[in-house]
C-alpha atoms as a PDB file:
ATOM      1  CA  UNK A   1      24.646 -59.674 -20.066  1.00  0.00           C
ATOM      2  CA  UNK A   2      20.898 -59.294 -20.489  1.00  0.00           C
ATOM      3  CA  UNK A   3      20.701 -57.249 -17.288  1.00  0.00           C
ATOM      4  CA  UNK A   4      23.466 -54.935 -18.493  1.00  0.00           C
ATOM      5  CA  UNK A   5      21.563 -54.235 -21.704  1.00  0.00           C
ATOM      6  CA  UNK A   6      18.363 -53.549 -19.771  1.00  0.00           C
ATOM      7  CA  UNK A   7      20.183 -51.097 -17.511  1.00  0.00           C
ATOM      8  CA  UNK A   8      21.834 -49.392 -20.488  1.00  0.00           C
ATOM      9  CA  UNK A   9      18.450 -49.078 -22.191  1.00  0.00           C
ATOM     10  CA  UNK A  10      16.896 -47.636 -19.036  1.00  0.00           C
ATOM     11  CA  UNK A  11      19.693 -45.067 -18.663  1.00  0.00           C
ATOM     12  CA  UNK A  12      19.387 -44.126 -22.335  1.00  0.00           C
ATOM     13  CA  UNK A  13      15.642 -43.617 -22.021  1.00  0.00           C
ATOM     14  CA  UNK A  14      16.152 -41.476 -18.900  1.00  0.00           C
ATOM     15  CA  UNK A  15      18.796 -39.380 -20.645  1.00  0.00           C
ATOM     16  CA  UNK A  16      16.492 -38.761 -23.591  1.00  0.00           C
ATOM     17  CA  UNK A  17      13.456 -38.103 -21.387  1.00  0.00           C
ATOM     18  CA  UNK A  18      15.252 -35.632 -19.124  1.00  0.00           C
ATOM     19  CA  UNK A  19      16.759 -33.856 -22.126  1.00  0.00           C
ATOM     20  CA  UNK A  20      13.386 -33.532 -23.879  1.00  0.00           C
ATOM     21  CA  UNK A  21      11.597 -32.398 -20.720  1.00  0.00           C
ATOM     22  CA  UNK A  22      14.335 -29.820 -20.058  1.00  0.00           C
ATOM     23  CA  UNK A  23      13.988 -28.373 -23.557  1.00  0.00           C
ATOM     24  CA  UNK A  24      10.183 -28.280 -23.437  1.00  0.00           C
ATOM     25  CA  UNK A  25       9.575 -27.217 -19.849  1.00  0.00           C
ATOM     26  CA  UNK A  26      12.947 -25.894 -18.675  1.00  0.00           C
ATOM     27  CA  UNK A  27      14.468 -26.967 -15.348  1.00  0.00           C
ATOM     28  CA  UNK A  28      11.041 -27.913 -13.963  1.00  0.00           C
ATOM     29  CA  UNK A  29      10.706 -30.483 -16.725  1.00  0.00           C
ATOM     30  CA  UNK A  30      14.034 -32.072 -15.865  1.00  0.00           C
ATOM     31  CA  UNK A  31      12.997 -32.248 -12.211  1.00  0.00           C
ATOM     32  CA  UNK A  32       9.709 -33.935 -13.092  1.00  0.00           C
ATOM     33  CA  UNK A  33      11.400 -36.474 -15.357  1.00  0.00           C
ATOM     34  CA  UNK A  34      14.090 -37.224 -12.789  1.00  0.00           C
ATOM     35  CA  UNK A  35      11.514 -37.598 -10.020  1.00  0.00           C
ATOM     36  CA  UNK A  36       9.648 -40.186 -12.085  1.00  0.00           C
ATOM     37  CA  UNK A  37      12.887 -41.974 -12.973  1.00  0.00           C
ATOM     38  CA  UNK A  38      14.058 -41.830  -9.351  1.00  0.00           C
ATOM     39  CA  UNK A  39      11.036 -43.864  -8.296  1.00  0.00           C
ATOM     40  CA  UNK A  40      12.611 -46.813 -10.105  1.00  0.00           C
ATOM     41  CA  UNK A  41      16.364 -46.249 -10.309  1.00  0.00           C
ATOM     42  CA  UNK A  42      18.611 -43.557  -8.890  1.00  0.00           C
ATOM     43  CA  UNK A  43      21.757 -44.580 -10.773  1.00  0.00           C
ATOM     44  CA  UNK A  44      20.299 -43.944 -14.213  1.00  0.00           C
ATOM     45  CA  UNK A  45      18.966 -40.529 -13.243  1.00  0.00           C
ATOM     46  CA  UNK A  46      22.289 -39.559 -11.660  1.00  0.00           C
ATOM     47  CA  UNK A  47      24.166 -40.553 -14.801  1.00  0.00           C
ATOM     48  CA  UNK A  48      21.703 -38.738 -17.065  1.00  0.00           C
ATOM     49  CA  UNK A  49      21.838 -35.594 -14.930  1.00  0.00           C
ATOM     50  CA  UNK A  50      25.646 -35.627 -14.811  1.00  0.00           C
ATOM     51  CA  UNK A  51      25.850 -36.151 -18.571  1.00  0.00           C
ATOM     52  CA  UNK A  52      23.512 -33.246 -19.300  1.00  0.00           C
ATOM     53  CA  UNK A  53      25.424 -31.045 -16.854  1.00  0.00           C
ATOM     54  CA  UNK A  54      28.798 -31.929 -18.404  1.00  0.00           C
ATOM     55  CA  UNK A  55      27.451 -31.074 -21.876  1.00  0.00           C
ATOM     56  CA  UNK A  56      26.241 -27.706 -20.638  1.00  0.00           C
ATOM     57  CA  UNK A  57      22.590 -28.577 -21.263  1.00  0.00           C
ATOM     58  CA  UNK A  58      21.731 -28.303 -17.576  1.00  0.00           C
ATOM     59  CA  UNK A  59      22.997 -25.467 -15.358  1.00  0.00           C
ATOM     60  CA  UNK A  60      24.468 -26.268 -11.946  1.00  0.00           C
ATOM     61  CA  UNK A  61      21.464 -25.136  -9.840  1.00  0.00           C
ATOM     62  CA  UNK A  62      19.084 -27.031 -12.121  1.00  0.00           C
ATOM     63  CA  UNK A  63      21.305 -30.116 -12.004  1.00  0.00           C
ATOM     64  CA  UNK A  64      21.331 -30.020  -8.190  1.00  0.00           C
ATOM     65  CA  UNK A  65      17.560 -29.678  -8.010  1.00  0.00           C
ATOM     66  CA  UNK A  66      17.115 -32.401 -10.620  1.00  0.00           C
ATOM     67  CA  UNK A  67      19.244 -34.775  -8.589  1.00  0.00           C
ATOM     68  CA  UNK A  68      17.455 -33.758  -5.378  1.00  0.00           C
ATOM     69  CA  UNK A  69      14.099 -34.587  -6.995  1.00  0.00           C
ATOM     70  CA  UNK A  70      15.375 -38.032  -8.004  1.00  0.00           C
ATOM     71  CA  UNK A  71      16.796 -38.619  -4.537  1.00  0.00           C
ATOM     72  CA  UNK A  72      13.495 -37.653  -2.906  1.00  0.00           C
ATOM     73  CA  UNK A  73      11.631 -40.032  -5.197  1.00  0.00           C
ATOM     74  CA  UNK A  74      14.052 -42.868  -4.450  1.00  0.00           C
ATOM     75  CA  UNK A  75      13.586 -42.444  -0.699  1.00  0.00           C
ATOM     76  CA  UNK A  76       9.808 -42.102  -1.065  1.00  0.00           C
ATOM     77  CA  UNK A  77       9.607 -45.337  -3.032  1.00  0.00           C
ATOM     78  CA  UNK A  78      11.712 -47.106  -0.400  1.00  0.00           C
ATOM     79  CA  UNK A  79       9.360 -45.957   2.362  1.00  0.00           C
ATOM     80  CA  UNK A  80       6.332 -47.154   0.404  1.00  0.00           C
ATOM     81  CA  UNK A  81       7.919 -50.538  -0.268  1.00  0.00           C
ATOM     82  CA  UNK A  82       8.996 -50.900   3.363  1.00  0.00           C
ATOM     83  CA  UNK A  83       5.584 -50.164   4.828  1.00  0.00           C
ATOM     84  CA  UNK A  84       3.804 -52.226   2.177  1.00  0.00           C
ATOM     85  CA  UNK A  85       5.931 -55.379   2.111  1.00  0.00           C
ATOM     86  CA  UNK A  86       7.960 -55.603   5.309  1.00  0.00           C
ATOM     87  CA  UNK A  87       6.800 -56.495   8.804  1.00  0.00           C
ATOM     88  CA  UNK A  88       5.951 -53.398  10.856  1.00  0.00           C
ATOM     89  CA  UNK A  89       8.894 -53.681  13.226  1.00  0.00           C
ATOM     90  CA  UNK A  90      11.410 -53.977  10.380  1.00  0.00           C
ATOM     91  CA  UNK A  91       9.708 -51.124   8.513  1.00  0.00           C
ATOM     92  CA  UNK A  92       9.959 -48.904  11.588  1.00  0.00           C
ATOM     93  CA  UNK A  93      13.675 -49.599  12.137  1.00  0.00           C
ATOM     94  CA  UNK A  94      14.498 -49.212   8.465  1.00  0.00           C
ATOM     95  CA  UNK A  95      12.488 -45.980   8.304  1.00  0.00           C
ATOM     96  CA  UNK A  96      14.463 -44.536  11.195  1.00  0.00           C
ATOM     97  CA  UNK A  97      17.685 -45.476   9.382  1.00  0.00           C
ATOM     98  CA  UNK A  98      16.476 -43.918   6.138  1.00  0.00           C
ATOM     99  CA  UNK A  99      15.426 -40.740   7.942  1.00  0.00           C
ATOM    100  CA  UNK A 100      18.869 -40.546   9.571  1.00  0.00           C
ATOM    101  CA  UNK A 101      20.464 -40.829   6.123  1.00  0.00           C
ATOM    102  CA  UNK A 102      18.204 -38.077   4.800  1.00  0.00           C
ATOM    103  CA  UNK A 103      19.085 -35.825   7.760  1.00  0.00           C
ATOM    104  CA  UNK A 104      22.835 -36.344   7.317  1.00  0.00           C
ATOM    105  CA  UNK A 105      22.543 -35.804   3.562  1.00  0.00           C
ATOM    106  CA  UNK A 106      20.504 -32.634   4.009  1.00  0.00           C
ATOM    107  CA  UNK A 107      22.994 -31.288   6.545  1.00  0.00           C
ATOM    108  CA  UNK A 108      25.908 -32.047   4.211  1.00  0.00           C
ATOM    109  CA  UNK A 109      24.066 -30.390   1.317  1.00  0.00           C
ATOM    110  CA  UNK A 110      23.488 -27.257   3.393  1.00  0.00           C
ATOM    111  CA  UNK A 111      27.119 -27.129   4.490  1.00  0.00           C
ATOM    112  CA  UNK A 112      28.368 -27.530   0.907  1.00  0.00           C
ATOM    113  CA  UNK A 113      25.999 -24.944  -0.554  1.00  0.00           C
ATOM    114  CA  UNK A 114      26.665 -22.393   2.199  1.00  0.00           C
ATOM    115  CA  UNK A 115      30.456 -22.693   1.919  1.00  0.00           C
END
């Protein structure tokens, strides 16, 4: 139960932070806040971004870029952790897997945005 409350608090802080940054700095502010949040947790940023989008506080292109910034940060933090903590061989294999996921995701994003 303690973990659930911590996660709820983290998501609430992200929602508030992204909302404030969006109002002060526009879409660039939301991207910066989501990038910083994405370094630690992608779920909270995704929920905050979706909530702001559903309320009409974040336009669709800004919401996509905000999520993309969080996703980039999440992958960057995984690479850093891999190459810092894991043995080199495991880090190399996991990095190849992560890069494959990024490539497939980028291709899917391009297909969806073009169609």
